[in-house]
Amino acid sequence: FNDDLVSANPEVRAVPLVYSDECIILGSDGLWDGLPYQEAVDMVLARRARQGGSVEGAANELVETSIARNILDNVTAIVVGLTMST
């Protein structure tokens, strides 16, 4: 191989949080290869609604869904639940 297998240049976005934001989803490119952004958001919010506001297990669900779609890249996810206080 002459090419780097791992990129040292991450894709980074700075987005201001607003009061209505409920979570942050961080994922490797493999996650997003198998899962459109909005579908990931919908999955996390549905889990949060079922679990009384908790996002526990949401990252695992995202990873398993992406892998089930035959993604061959590494798949990593972190989900952070947000609670805004007044």
C-alpha atoms as a PDB file:
ATOM      1  CA  PHE A   1       0.000   0.000   0.000  1.00  0.00           C
ATOM      2  CA  ASN A   2       1.221   3.457  -0.873  1.00  0.00           C
ATOM      3  CA  ASP A   3      -1.825   5.227   0.539  1.00  0.00           C
ATOM      4  CA  ASP A   4      -2.480   5.989   4.193  1.00  0.00           C
ATOM      5  CA  LEU A   5      -5.074   3.649   5.616  1.00  0.00           C
ATOM      6  CA  VAL A   6      -6.140   6.155   8.261  1.00  0.00           C
ATOM      7  CA  SER A   7      -6.672   9.841   7.594  1.00  0.00           C
ATOM      8  CA  ALA A   8      -5.159  12.280  10.070  1.00  0.00           C
ATOM      9  CA  ASN A   9      -7.558  14.998   8.907  1.00  0.00           C
ATOM     10  CA  PRO A  10     -10.905  14.705  10.693  1.00  0.00           C
ATOM     11  CA  GLU A  11     -14.073  16.322   9.423  1.00  0.00           C
ATOM     12  CA  VAL A  12     -15.000  18.864  12.073  1.00  0.00           C
ATOM     13  CA  ARG A  13     -18.059  21.088  12.274  1.00  0.00           C
ATOM     14  CA  ALA A  14     -18.746  23.816  14.827  1.00  0.00           C
ATOM     15  CA  VAL A  15     -22.465  24.223  15.422  1.00  0.00           C
ATOM     16  CA  PRO A  16     -23.886  26.460  18.154  1.00  0.00           C
ATOM     17  CA  LEU A  17     -26.192  24.596  20.548  1.00  0.00           C
ATOM     18  CA  VAL A  18     -29.726  25.838  21.014  1.00  0.00           C
ATOM     19  CA  TYR A  19     -32.160  25.138  23.821  1.00  0.00           C
ATOM     20  CA  SER A  20     -34.121  22.583  21.775  1.00  0.00           C
ATOM     21  CA  ASP A  21     -31.057  20.386  21.013  1.00  0.00           C
ATOM     22  CA  GLU A  22     -31.499  16.969  22.631  1.00  0.00           C
ATOM     23  CA  CYS A  23     -28.318  15.110  21.752  1.00  0.00           C
ATOM     24  CA  ILE A  24     -24.966  15.088  20.006  1.00  0.00           C
ATOM     25  CA  ILE A  25     -24.013  12.129  17.803  1.00  0.00           C
ATOM     26  CA  LEU A  26     -20.323  11.605  17.033  1.00  0.00           C
ATOM     27  CA  GLY A  27     -19.494   8.908  14.521  1.00  0.00           C
ATOM     28  CA  SER A  28     -16.721   7.545  12.380  1.00  0.00           C
ATOM     29  CA  ASP A  29     -17.090   7.653   8.621  1.00  0.00           C
ATOM     30  CA  GLY A  30     -18.143   3.995   8.695  1.00  0.00           C
ATOM     31  CA  LEU A  31     -21.212   4.901  10.755  1.00  0.00           C
ATOM     32  CA  TRP A  32     -22.279   7.528   8.243  1.00  0.00           C
ATOM     33  CA  ASP A  33     -21.567   5.216   5.283  1.00  0.00           C
ATOM     34  CA  GLY A  34     -24.390   2.986   6.536  1.00  0.00           C
ATOM     35  CA  LEU A  35     -26.723   5.478   8.153  1.00  0.00           C
ATOM     36  CA  PRO A  36     -28.069   8.805   6.868  1.00  0.00           C
ATOM     37  CA  TYR A  37     -27.783  11.633   9.429  1.00  0.00           C
ATOM     38  CA  GLN A  38     -31.522  12.108   9.844  1.00  0.00           C
ATOM     39  CA  GLU A  39     -32.152   8.397  10.322  1.00  0.00           C
ATOM     40  CA  ALA A  40     -29.534   8.349  13.097  1.00  0.00           C
ATOM     41  CA  VAL A  41     -31.174  11.340  14.789  1.00  0.00           C
ATOM     42  CA  ASP A  42     -34.612   9.734  14.511  1.00  0.00           C
ATOM     43  CA  MET A  43     -33.311   6.480  16.043  1.00  0.00           C
ATOM     44  CA  VAL A  44     -31.692   8.262  18.995  1.00  0.00           C
ATOM     45  CA  LEU A  45     -34.713  10.459  19.684  1.00  0.00           C
ATOM     46  CA  ALA A  46     -37.057   7.450  19.525  1.00  0.00           C
ATOM     47  CA  ARG A  47     -34.867   5.549  22.002  1.00  0.00           C
ATOM     48  CA  ARG A  48     -34.726   8.604  24.247  1.00  0.00           C
ATOM     49  CA  ALA A  49     -38.533   8.862  24.210  1.00  0.00           C
ATOM     50  CA  ARG A  50     -38.895   5.154  25.096  1.00  0.00           C
ATOM     51  CA  GLN A  51     -36.364   5.444  27.907  1.00  0.00           C
ATOM     52  CA  GLY A  52     -37.619   8.556  29.656  1.00  0.00           C
ATOM     53  CA  GLY A  53     -34.911  10.853  28.297  1.00  0.00           C
ATOM     54  CA  SER A  54     -31.953   8.458  28.486  1.00  0.00           C
ATOM     55  CA  VAL A  55     -29.749   7.786  25.459  1.00  0.00           C
ATOM     56  CA  GLU A  56     -28.226   4.678  27.061  1.00  0.00           C
ATOM     57  CA  GLY A  57     -27.646   2.051  24.396  1.00  0.00           C
ATOM     58  CA  ALA A  58     -28.247   4.474  21.519  1.00  0.00           C
ATOM     59  CA  ALA A  59     -24.656   4.358  20.240  1.00  0.00           C
ATOM     60  CA  ASN A  60     -24.752   0.556  20.197  1.00  0.00           C
ATOM     61  CA  GLU A  61     -28.016   0.602  18.250  1.00  0.00           C
ATOM     62  CA  LEU A  62     -26.527   2.989  15.665  1.00  0.00           C
ATOM     63  CA  VAL A  63     -23.405   0.841  15.242  1.00  0.00           C
ATOM     64  CA  GLU A  64     -25.372  -2.404  14.950  1.00  0.00           C
ATOM     65  CA  THR A  65     -27.713  -0.864  12.374  1.00  0.00           C
ATOM     66  CA  SER A  66     -24.821   0.384  10.267  1.00  0.00           C
ATOM     67  CA  ILE A  67     -22.980  -2.951  10.447  1.00  0.00           C
ATOM     68  CA  ALA A  68     -26.164  -4.826   9.513  1.00  0.00           C
ATOM     69  CA  ARG A  69     -26.103  -2.863   6.259  1.00  0.00           C
ATOM     70  CA  ASN A  70     -22.841  -4.608   5.310  1.00  0.00           C
ATOM     71  CA  ILE A  71     -20.537  -1.694   6.020  1.00  0.00           C
ATOM     72  CA  LEU A  72     -16.966  -2.999   5.793  1.00  0.00           C
ATOM     73  CA  ASP A  73     -15.297   0.054   7.366  1.00  0.00           C
ATOM     74  CA  ASN A  74     -14.815   0.474  11.106  1.00  0.00           C
ATOM     75  CA  VAL A  75     -17.966   1.788  12.787  1.00  0.00           C
ATOM     76  CA  THR A  76     -17.820   3.866  15.962  1.00  0.00           C
ATOM     77  CA  ALA A  77     -20.445   6.054  17.638  1.00  0.00           C
ATOM     78  CA  ILE A  78     -20.807   8.173  20.751  1.00  0.00           C
ATOM     79  CA  VAL A  79     -24.161   9.665  21.766  1.00  0.00           C
ATOM     80  CA  VAL A  80     -24.364  12.457  24.342  1.00  0.00           C
ATOM     81  CA  GLY A  81     -27.782  13.311  25.751  1.00  0.00           C
ATOM     82  CA  LEU A  82     -28.297  17.004  26.426  1.00  0.00           C
ATOM     83  CA  THR A  83     -30.410  18.554  29.119  1.00  0.00           C
ATOM     84  CA  MET A  84     -30.554  22.331  29.034  1.00  0.00           C
ATOM     85  CA  SER A  85     -31.161  24.037  32.342  1.00  0.00           C
ATOM     86  CA  THR A  86     -32.740  27.462  32.680  1.00  0.00           C
END
